[in-house]
Amino acid sequence: PVAGDISTMILFNRMMVTIGLAAFRLGKIWDAHQCLSDICSGRVRELLAQGVAAGRFSDKSPEQEKAEKRRQIPYHQHINLDLLEACHLISAMLLEVPNMAAAGVDESRRSRIISRTFRKYHDMYDRQVFTGPPEMTRDFVMTATKALMKGDWKKCSDLLNTLDVWNLVAGDNSADEIKVMLTEKIKQTGLRTYLLAFSSQYDSLSLSQLCSMFEMGKNEVHSVVSKMMINRDLVASWDQPTETIVMRKIEPSALQVLALQFAEKAT
């Protein structure tokens, strides 16, 4: 939209948020995050025309303030901001937790950040000396993130499924459908995070053990692990007769070590 046409920009923002919420509901986590990340990282109320910034040192003229108030969306058309924040932070969590686990093992991936907003909230939560029981939506997601990073997918699932915002989604049984979808996504993310964080500690892993740990079917686990192997996230191979994952420990050669050291000094 044209920079000067503010009403079109507001319409565009609301359309992007609606598509993002629909994508989240269908389990398309990456698409949902792409749609929601830009708008949810700034002044959400103003971008969606659902509130006016009340600042003592506002640089707007009285005419600009009146024009902004006239552009406000009626209350019955408001998009719930708690639901919006939940969908944005959960989609960011499902993408960032495996990324953070991989960064802890592989130094080359430390600079890759998917969601700066999520990282900022996560760092703030980490720095707190005392963290009480979660109250706000953001607290629930951050507590769930901590659980998922430790491999406790059940606690993570329970925390996110107890959020009241799912009852605001329109449609029969829509809240239950979202909870089922979330649990499946959390299991898959938990499995990926576990393998990224702890695969170096194993020589081999049993498929049946992973199935029992994450309460997933053999085909599901096989699919997730195979994708990780294809994407080079996991250096391993399948031993089909025994249904085990055999880890391949590849030590860097002397030349590779020197090249990495040189690259670090150069940057």
C-alpha atoms as a PDB file:
ATOM      1  CA  PRO A   1       0.000   0.000   0.000  1.00  0.00           C
ATOM      2  CA  VAL A   2       0.995   3.608  -0.562  1.00  0.00           C
ATOM      3  CA  ALA A   3       2.751   5.176   2.417  1.00  0.00           C
ATOM      4  CA  GLY A   4       0.289   8.084   2.573  1.00  0.00           C
ATOM      5  CA  ASP A   5      -2.859   5.963   2.439  1.00  0.00           C
ATOM      6  CA  ILE A   6      -3.148   5.114   6.142  1.00  0.00           C
ATOM      7  CA  SER A   7      -6.615   3.498   5.934  1.00  0.00           C
ATOM      8  CA  THR A   8      -5.318   1.047   3.280  1.00  0.00           C
ATOM      9  CA  MET A   9      -2.299   0.253   5.452  1.00  0.00           C
ATOM     10  CA  ILE A  10      -4.585  -0.502   8.412  1.00  0.00           C
ATOM     11  CA  LEU A  11      -6.705  -2.761   6.196  1.00  0.00           C
ATOM     12  CA  PHE A  12      -3.547  -4.524   4.999  1.00  0.00           C
ATOM     13  CA  ASN A  13      -2.335  -5.047   8.587  1.00  0.00           C
ATOM     14  CA  ARG A  14      -5.684  -6.490   9.667  1.00  0.00           C
ATOM     15  CA  MET A  15      -5.754  -8.789   6.646  1.00  0.00           C
ATOM     16  CA  MET A  16      -2.221 -10.086   7.406  1.00  0.00           C
ATOM     17  CA  VAL A  17      -3.154 -10.750  11.038  1.00  0.00           C
ATOM     18  CA  THR A  18      -6.333 -12.597  10.006  1.00  0.00           C
ATOM     19  CA  ILE A  19      -4.374 -14.779   7.554  1.00  0.00           C
ATOM     20  CA  GLY A  20      -1.768 -15.453  10.261  1.00  0.00           C
ATOM     21  CA  LEU A  21      -4.424 -16.565  12.762  1.00  0.00           C
ATOM     22  CA  ALA A  22      -6.015 -18.807  10.111  1.00  0.00           C
ATOM     23  CA  ALA A  23      -2.628 -20.348   9.277  1.00  0.00           C
ATOM     24  CA  PHE A  24      -1.965 -21.027  12.977  1.00  0.00           C
ATOM     25  CA  ARG A  25      -5.348 -22.704  13.312  1.00  0.00           C
ATOM     26  CA  LEU A  26      -4.456 -25.029  10.400  1.00  0.00           C
ATOM     27  CA  GLY A  27      -1.085 -25.882  11.966  1.00  0.00           C
ATOM     28  CA  LYS A  28       0.972 -23.947   9.383  1.00  0.00           C
ATOM     29  CA  ILE A  29       3.373 -22.585  11.981  1.00  0.00           C
ATOM     30  CA  TRP A  30       5.991 -21.046   9.664  1.00  0.00           C
ATOM     31  CA  ASP A  31       3.347 -19.231   7.584  1.00  0.00           C
ATOM     32  CA  ALA A  32       1.596 -17.985  10.740  1.00  0.00           C
ATOM     33  CA  HIS A  33       4.854 -16.604  12.116  1.00  0.00           C
ATOM     34  CA  GLN A  34       5.703 -14.862   8.835  1.00  0.00           C
ATOM     35  CA  CYS A  35       2.301 -13.145   8.775  1.00  0.00           C
ATOM     36  CA  LEU A  36       2.253 -12.114  12.449  1.00  0.00           C
ATOM     37  CA  SER A  37       5.882 -11.276  13.253  1.00  0.00           C
ATOM     38  CA  ASP A  38       6.075  -7.778  11.689  1.00  0.00           C
ATOM     39  CA  ILE A  39       2.858  -6.474  13.242  1.00  0.00           C
ATOM     40  CA  CYS A  40       3.269  -8.134  16.649  1.00  0.00           C
ATOM     41  CA  SER A  41       6.785  -6.765  17.116  1.00  0.00           C
ATOM     42  CA  GLY A  42       5.589  -3.149  17.235  1.00  0.00           C
ATOM     43  CA  ARG A  43       2.666  -1.052  18.415  1.00  0.00           C
ATOM     44  CA  VAL A  44      -0.091  -3.562  17.733  1.00  0.00           C
ATOM     45  CA  ARG A  45      -3.038  -1.405  18.836  1.00  0.00           C
ATOM     46  CA  GLU A  46      -2.084   1.455  16.550  1.00  0.00           C
ATOM     47  CA  LEU A  47      -1.238  -0.773  13.564  1.00  0.00           C
ATOM     48  CA  LEU A  48      -4.669  -2.447  13.781  1.00  0.00           C
ATOM     49  CA  ALA A  49      -6.491   0.833  14.575  1.00  0.00           C
ATOM     50  CA  GLN A  50      -7.749  -0.577  17.888  1.00  0.00           C
ATOM     51  CA  GLY A  51      -6.384   2.128  20.153  1.00  0.00           C
ATOM     52  CA  VAL A  52      -4.594   5.465  20.233  1.00  0.00           C
ATOM     53  CA  ALA A  53      -1.117   5.878  21.713  1.00  0.00           C
ATOM     54  CA  ALA A  54      -1.515   7.964  24.862  1.00  0.00           C
ATOM     55  CA  GLY A  55       1.818   9.677  25.403  1.00  0.00           C
ATOM     56  CA  ARG A  56       2.552  12.799  27.433  1.00  0.00           C
ATOM     57  CA  PHE A  57       5.206  13.884  24.925  1.00  0.00           C
ATOM     58  CA  SER A  58       3.267  13.130  21.750  1.00  0.00           C
ATOM     59  CA  ASP A  59       4.471  15.019  18.677  1.00  0.00           C
ATOM     60  CA  LYS A  60       1.067  14.841  16.939  1.00  0.00           C
ATOM     61  CA  SER A  61      -0.994  17.945  16.310  1.00  0.00           C
ATOM     62  CA  PRO A  62      -4.644  18.111  17.522  1.00  0.00           C
ATOM     63  CA  GLU A  63      -5.816  17.593  13.905  1.00  0.00           C
ATOM     64  CA  GLN A  64      -3.691  14.445  13.528  1.00  0.00           C
ATOM     65  CA  GLU A  65      -5.044  13.067  16.815  1.00  0.00           C
ATOM     66  CA  LYS A  66      -8.629  13.694  15.683  1.00  0.00           C
ATOM     67  CA  ALA A  67      -7.942  12.001  12.329  1.00  0.00           C
ATOM     68  CA  GLU A  68      -6.437   9.002  14.150  1.00  0.00           C
ATOM     69  CA  LYS A  69      -9.488   8.690  16.393  1.00  0.00           C
ATOM     70  CA  ARG A  70     -11.787   8.806  13.354  1.00  0.00           C
ATOM     71  CA  ARG A  71      -9.872   5.881  11.817  1.00  0.00           C
ATOM     72  CA  GLN A  72     -10.469   3.610  14.834  1.00  0.00           C
ATOM     73  CA  ILE A  73     -12.228   0.311  14.177  1.00  0.00           C
ATOM     74  CA  PRO A  74     -15.552  -0.283  16.019  1.00  0.00           C
ATOM     75  CA  TYR A  75     -15.205  -2.412  19.148  1.00  0.00           C
ATOM     76  CA  HIS A  76     -17.267  -5.321  17.780  1.00  0.00           C
ATOM     77  CA  GLN A  77     -14.711  -5.696  14.939  1.00  0.00           C
ATOM     78  CA  HIS A  78     -11.659  -5.809  17.217  1.00  0.00           C
ATOM     79  CA  ILE A  79      -9.182  -8.679  16.935  1.00  0.00           C
ATOM     80  CA  ASN A  80      -8.412 -10.012  20.426  1.00  0.00           C
ATOM     81  CA  LEU A  81      -4.831  -8.972  21.250  1.00  0.00           C
ATOM     82  CA  ASP A  82      -4.310 -11.776  23.791  1.00  0.00           C
ATOM     83  CA  LEU A  83      -5.186 -14.381  21.157  1.00  0.00           C
ATOM     84  CA  LEU A  84      -2.922 -12.600  18.690  1.00  0.00           C
ATOM     85  CA  GLU A  85       0.000 -12.562  21.137  1.00  0.00           C
ATOM     86  CA  ALA A  86      -0.533 -16.240  22.002  1.00  0.00           C
ATOM     87  CA  CYS A  87      -0.496 -17.333  18.335  1.00  0.00           C
ATOM     88  CA  HIS A  88       2.555 -15.185  17.546  1.00  0.00           C
ATOM     89  CA  LEU A  89       4.664 -16.261  20.552  1.00  0.00           C
ATOM     90  CA  ILE A  90       3.729 -19.961  20.295  1.00  0.00           C
ATOM     91  CA  SER A  91       4.579 -20.076  16.582  1.00  0.00           C
ATOM     92  CA  ALA A  92       7.884 -18.302  17.379  1.00  0.00           C
ATOM     93  CA  MET A  93       8.530 -20.779  20.220  1.00  0.00           C
ATOM     94  CA  LEU A  94       7.997 -23.825  17.986  1.00  0.00           C
ATOM     95  CA  LEU A  95      10.501 -22.408  15.480  1.00  0.00           C
ATOM     96  CA  GLU A  96      13.047 -20.930  17.894  1.00  0.00           C
ATOM     97  CA  VAL A  97      13.417 -23.703  20.511  1.00  0.00           C
ATOM     98  CA  PRO A  98      15.038 -26.230  18.088  1.00  0.00           C
ATOM     99  CA  ASN A  99      17.064 -23.360  16.597  1.00  0.00           C
ATOM    100  CA  MET A 100      18.360 -22.387  20.053  1.00  0.00           C
ATOM    101  CA  ALA A 101      19.131 -26.031  20.875  1.00  0.00           C
ATOM    102  CA  ALA A 102      21.113 -26.357  17.629  1.00  0.00           C
ATOM    103  CA  ALA A 103      22.963 -23.090  18.347  1.00  0.00           C
ATOM    104  CA  GLY A 104      24.064 -24.479  21.708  1.00  0.00           C
ATOM    105  CA  VAL A 105      25.814 -27.366  19.914  1.00  0.00           C
ATOM    106  CA  ASP A 106      26.831 -25.799  16.582  1.00  0.00           C
ATOM    107  CA  GLU A 107      28.539 -22.401  16.876  1.00  0.00           C
ATOM    108  CA  SER A 108      27.918 -21.572  13.209  1.00  0.00           C
ATOM    109  CA  ARG A 109      24.172 -21.311  13.907  1.00  0.00           C
ATOM    110  CA  ARG A 110      24.369 -18.854  16.820  1.00  0.00           C
ATOM    111  CA  SER A 111      23.871 -15.812  14.639  1.00  0.00           C
ATOM    112  CA  ARG A 112      20.671 -17.201  13.065  1.00  0.00           C
ATOM    113  CA  ILE A 113      17.687 -15.606  14.817  1.00  0.00           C
ATOM    114  CA  ILE A 114      14.156 -16.349  13.623  1.00  0.00           C
ATOM    115  CA  SER A 115      12.194 -14.099  15.999  1.00  0.00           C
ATOM    116  CA  ARG A 116      13.909 -11.158  17.707  1.00  0.00           C
ATOM    117  CA  THR A 117      10.764 -10.367  19.725  1.00  0.00           C
ATOM    118  CA  PHE A 118      10.638 -13.902  21.141  1.00  0.00           C
ATOM    119  CA  ARG A 119      14.368 -13.837  21.949  1.00  0.00           C
ATOM    120  CA  LYS A 120      13.972 -10.498  23.761  1.00  0.00           C
ATOM    121  CA  TYR A 121      11.117 -11.826  25.941  1.00  0.00           C
ATOM    122  CA  HIS A 122      13.023 -15.069  26.557  1.00  0.00           C
ATOM    123  CA  ASP A 123      16.172 -13.195  27.684  1.00  0.00           C
ATOM    124  CA  MET A 124      14.084 -10.969  29.987  1.00  0.00           C
ATOM    125  CA  TYR A 125      12.436 -14.053  31.512  1.00  0.00           C
ATOM    126  CA  ASP A 126      15.841 -15.722  31.936  1.00  0.00           C
ATOM    127  CA  ARG A 127      17.265 -12.722  33.774  1.00  0.00           C
ATOM    128  CA  GLN A 128      14.498 -12.677  36.390  1.00  0.00           C
ATOM    129  CA  VAL A 129      15.766 -13.700  39.826  1.00  0.00           C
ATOM    130  CA  PHE A 130      12.393 -15.067  40.912  1.00  0.00           C
ATOM    131  CA  THR A 131       9.646 -16.265  38.567  1.00  0.00           C
ATOM    132  CA  GLY A 132       6.240 -16.913  40.100  1.00  0.00           C
ATOM    133  CA  PRO A 133       3.375 -18.897  38.567  1.00  0.00           C
ATOM    134  CA  PRO A 134       2.436 -17.636  35.081  1.00  0.00           C
ATOM    135  CA  GLU A 135      -0.388 -15.082  34.927  1.00  0.00           C
ATOM    136  CA  MET A 136      -0.297 -13.353  31.534  1.00  0.00           C
ATOM    137  CA  THR A 137      -0.289 -15.092  28.133  1.00  0.00           C
ATOM    138  CA  ARG A 138       3.381 -14.192  27.633  1.00  0.00           C
ATOM    139  CA  ASP A 139       4.324 -15.749  31.003  1.00  0.00           C
ATOM    140  CA  PHE A 140       2.577 -18.997  30.064  1.00  0.00           C
ATOM    141  CA  VAL A 141       4.492 -19.197  26.755  1.00  0.00           C
ATOM    142  CA  MET A 142       7.857 -18.422  28.392  1.00  0.00           C
ATOM    143  CA  THR A 143       7.294 -21.035  31.128  1.00  0.00           C
ATOM    144  CA  ALA A 144       6.269 -23.542  28.442  1.00  0.00           C
ATOM    145  CA  THR A 145       9.439 -22.684  26.490  1.00  0.00           C
ATOM    146  CA  LYS A 146      11.626 -23.486  29.497  1.00  0.00           C
ATOM    147  CA  ALA A 147       9.876 -26.843  29.907  1.00  0.00           C
ATOM    148  CA  LEU A 148      10.238 -27.693  26.205  1.00  0.00           C
ATOM    149  CA  MET A 149      13.950 -26.843  26.210  1.00  0.00           C
ATOM    150  CA  LYS A 150      14.423 -29.348  29.044  1.00  0.00           C
ATOM    151  CA  GLY A 151      12.527 -31.982  27.037  1.00  0.00           C
ATOM    152  CA  ASP A 152       9.381 -31.879  29.197  1.00  0.00           C
ATOM    153  CA  TRP A 153       6.854 -31.679  26.337  1.00  0.00           C
ATOM    154  CA  LYS A 154       3.948 -32.760  28.575  1.00  0.00           C
ATOM    155  CA  LYS A 155       4.325 -29.762  30.894  1.00  0.00           C
ATOM    156  CA  CYS A 156       4.692 -27.468  27.884  1.00  0.00           C
ATOM    157  CA  SER A 157       1.517 -28.888  26.310  1.00  0.00           C
ATOM    158  CA  ASP A 158      -0.460 -28.644  29.571  1.00  0.00           C
ATOM    159  CA  LEU A 159       0.536 -25.000  30.089  1.00  0.00           C
ATOM    160  CA  LEU A 160      -0.425 -23.889  26.582  1.00  0.00           C
ATOM    161  CA  ASN A 161      -3.648 -25.914  26.482  1.00  0.00           C
ATOM    162  CA  THR A 162      -4.884 -24.241  29.679  1.00  0.00           C
ATOM    163  CA  LEU A 163      -4.870 -20.774  28.050  1.00  0.00           C
ATOM    164  CA  ASP A 164      -8.347 -19.232  28.059  1.00  0.00           C
ATOM    165  CA  VAL A 165      -7.808 -17.487  24.713  1.00  0.00           C
ATOM    166  CA  TRP A 166      -8.590 -20.663  22.721  1.00  0.00           C
ATOM    167  CA  ASN A 167     -12.245 -20.281  23.736  1.00  0.00           C
ATOM    168  CA  LEU A 168     -12.340 -17.017  21.736  1.00  0.00           C
ATOM    169  CA  VAL A 169     -11.741 -18.806  18.417  1.00  0.00           C
ATOM    170  CA  ALA A 170     -14.977 -19.007  16.433  1.00  0.00           C
ATOM    171  CA  GLY A 171     -16.444 -22.331  15.305  1.00  0.00           C
ATOM    172  CA  ASP A 172     -17.715 -25.532  16.879  1.00  0.00           C
ATOM    173  CA  ASN A 173     -14.991 -27.571  18.640  1.00  0.00           C
ATOM    174  CA  SER A 174     -12.368 -25.133  17.308  1.00  0.00           C
ATOM    175  CA  ALA A 175     -10.700 -24.817  20.733  1.00  0.00           C
ATOM    176  CA  ASP A 176     -10.359 -28.615  21.013  1.00  0.00           C
ATOM    177  CA  GLU A 177      -8.981 -28.855  17.461  1.00  0.00           C
ATOM    178  CA  ILE A 178      -6.343 -26.213  18.225  1.00  0.00           C
ATOM    179  CA  LYS A 179      -5.331 -28.023  21.436  1.00  0.00           C
ATOM    180  CA  VAL A 180      -4.924 -31.341  19.552  1.00  0.00           C
ATOM    181  CA  MET A 181      -2.880 -29.608  16.830  1.00  0.00           C
ATOM    182  CA  LEU A 182      -0.720 -27.837  19.433  1.00  0.00           C
ATOM    183  CA  THR A 183       0.015 -31.068  21.308  1.00  0.00           C
ATOM    184  CA  GLU A 184       1.159 -32.766  18.074  1.00  0.00           C
ATOM    185  CA  LYS A 185       3.384 -29.816  17.123  1.00  0.00           C
ATOM    186  CA  ILE A 186       4.884 -29.685  20.635  1.00  0.00           C
ATOM    187  CA  LYS A 187       5.704 -33.417  20.481  1.00  0.00           C
ATOM    188  CA  GLN A 188       7.454 -32.992  17.114  1.00  0.00           C
ATOM    189  CA  THR A 189       9.351 -29.906  18.298  1.00  0.00           C
ATOM    190  CA  GLY A 190      10.279 -31.677  21.541  1.00  0.00           C
ATOM    191  CA  LEU A 191      11.678 -34.630  19.570  1.00  0.00           C
ATOM    192  CA  ARG A 192      13.725 -32.354  17.290  1.00  0.00           C
ATOM    193  CA  THR A 193      15.023 -30.343  20.260  1.00  0.00           C
ATOM    194  CA  TYR A 194      15.981 -33.513  22.157  1.00  0.00           C
ATOM    195  CA  LEU A 195      17.913 -34.911  19.199  1.00  0.00           C
ATOM    196  CA  LEU A 196      19.667 -31.603  18.471  1.00  0.00           C
ATOM    197  CA  ALA A 197      20.669 -31.081  22.105  1.00  0.00           C
ATOM    198  CA  PHE A 198      21.624 -34.621  23.159  1.00  0.00           C
ATOM    199  CA  SER A 199      22.453 -36.629  20.008  1.00  0.00           C
ATOM    200  CA  SER A 200      26.180 -36.108  20.667  1.00  0.00           C
ATOM    201  CA  GLN A 201      25.808 -38.097  23.912  1.00  0.00           C
ATOM    202  CA  TYR A 202      24.601 -41.227  22.092  1.00  0.00           C
ATOM    203  CA  ASP A 203      26.160 -43.801  19.763  1.00  0.00           C
ATOM    204  CA  SER A 204      22.704 -45.065  18.768  1.00  0.00           C
ATOM    205  CA  LEU A 205      19.060 -44.477  19.629  1.00  0.00           C
ATOM    206  CA  SER A 206      16.166 -46.917  19.513  1.00  0.00           C
ATOM    207  CA  LEU A 207      13.103 -45.923  17.490  1.00  0.00           C
ATOM    208  CA  SER A 208      10.764 -47.566  20.028  1.00  0.00           C
ATOM    209  CA  GLN A 209      12.388 -45.614  22.879  1.00  0.00           C
ATOM    210  CA  LEU A 210      11.749 -42.301  21.101  1.00  0.00           C
ATOM    211  CA  CYS A 211       8.162 -43.381  20.383  1.00  0.00           C
ATOM    212  CA  SER A 212       7.518 -44.081  24.075  1.00  0.00           C
ATOM    213  CA  MET A 213       9.265 -40.872  25.245  1.00  0.00           C
ATOM    214  CA  PHE A 214       7.205 -38.590  22.990  1.00  0.00           C
ATOM    215  CA  GLU A 215       4.066 -40.748  22.641  1.00  0.00           C
ATOM    216  CA  MET A 216       4.285 -40.717  18.848  1.00  0.00           C
ATOM    217  CA  GLY A 217       3.778 -43.409  16.236  1.00  0.00           C
ATOM    218  CA  LYS A 218       6.755 -45.043  14.501  1.00  0.00           C
ATOM    219  CA  ASN A 219       5.909 -43.436  11.162  1.00  0.00           C
ATOM    220  CA  GLU A 220       5.766 -39.952  12.733  1.00  0.00           C
ATOM    221  CA  VAL A 221       9.132 -40.343  14.480  1.00  0.00           C
ATOM    222  CA  HIS A 222      10.657 -41.852  11.328  1.00  0.00           C
ATOM    223  CA  SER A 223       9.411 -38.893   9.285  1.00  0.00           C
ATOM    224  CA  VAL A 224      10.758 -36.225  11.704  1.00  0.00           C
ATOM    225  CA  VAL A 225      14.177 -37.910  12.078  1.00  0.00           C
ATOM    226  CA  SER A 226      14.529 -38.532   8.315  1.00  0.00           C
ATOM    227  CA  LYS A 227      13.815 -34.853   7.571  1.00  0.00           C
ATOM    228  CA  MET A 228      16.501 -33.856  10.074  1.00  0.00           C
ATOM    229  CA  MET A 229      18.972 -36.201   8.351  1.00  0.00           C
ATOM    230  CA  ILE A 230      18.111 -34.769   4.905  1.00  0.00           C
ATOM    231  CA  ASN A 231      18.538 -31.181   6.175  1.00  0.00           C
ATOM    232  CA  ARG A 232      21.897 -32.106   7.768  1.00  0.00           C
ATOM    233  CA  ASP A 233      20.577 -31.177  11.223  1.00  0.00           C
ATOM    234  CA  LEU A 234      21.351 -34.694  12.411  1.00  0.00           C
ATOM    235  CA  VAL A 235      24.462 -36.548  11.233  1.00  0.00           C
ATOM    236  CA  ALA A 236      23.156 -40.096  11.481  1.00  0.00           C
ATOM    237  CA  SER A 237      21.681 -42.975   9.490  1.00  0.00           C
ATOM    238  CA  TRP A 238      18.937 -45.557   9.917  1.00  0.00           C
ATOM    239  CA  ASP A 239      19.737 -49.175  10.710  1.00  0.00           C
ATOM    240  CA  GLN A 240      16.517 -50.697   9.386  1.00  0.00           C
ATOM    241  CA  PRO A 241      16.745 -54.314  10.735  1.00  0.00           C
ATOM    242  CA  THR A 242      17.188 -53.173  14.358  1.00  0.00           C
ATOM    243  CA  GLU A 243      15.118 -49.950  13.980  1.00  0.00           C
ATOM    244  CA  THR A 244      17.835 -47.763  15.470  1.00  0.00           C
ATOM    245  CA  ILE A 245      19.417 -44.422  14.604  1.00  0.00           C
ATOM    246  CA  VAL A 246      23.200 -44.768  14.359  1.00  0.00           C
ATOM    247  CA  MET A 247      25.050 -41.520  15.090  1.00  0.00           C
ATOM    248  CA  ARG A 248      28.000 -40.552  12.894  1.00  0.00           C
ATOM    249  CA  LYS A 249      30.572 -38.610  14.861  1.00  0.00           C
ATOM    250  CA  ILE A 250      32.493 -36.542  12.352  1.00  0.00           C
ATOM    251  CA  GLU A 251      35.546 -34.885  13.845  1.00  0.00           C
ATOM    252  CA  PRO A 252      36.837 -31.878  11.863  1.00  0.00           C
ATOM    253  CA  SER A 253      40.198 -32.354  10.188  1.00  0.00           C
ATOM    254  CA  ALA A 254      43.224 -30.234  11.152  1.00  0.00           C
ATOM    255  CA  LEU A 255      42.706 -28.073   8.046  1.00  0.00           C
ATOM    256  CA  GLN A 256      39.022 -27.515   8.905  1.00  0.00           C
ATOM    257  CA  VAL A 257      39.925 -26.511  12.486  1.00  0.00           C
ATOM    258  CA  LEU A 258      42.461 -23.977  11.192  1.00  0.00           C
ATOM    259  CA  ALA A 259      39.927 -22.642   8.650  1.00  0.00           C
ATOM    260  CA  LEU A 260      37.307 -22.174  11.402  1.00  0.00           C
ATOM    261  CA  GLN A 261      39.791 -20.379  13.649  1.00  0.00           C
ATOM    262  CA  PHE A 262      40.805 -18.085  10.780  1.00  0.00           C
ATOM    263  CA  ALA A 263      37.142 -17.334   9.979  1.00  0.00           C
ATOM    264  CA  GLU A 264      36.475 -16.400  13.649  1.00  0.00           C
ATOM    265  CA  LYS A 265      39.483 -14.027  13.714  1.00  0.00           C
ATOM    266  CA  ALA A 266      38.440 -12.467  10.418  1.00  0.00           C
ATOM    267  CA  THR A 267      34.945 -11.661  11.752  1.00  0.00           C
END
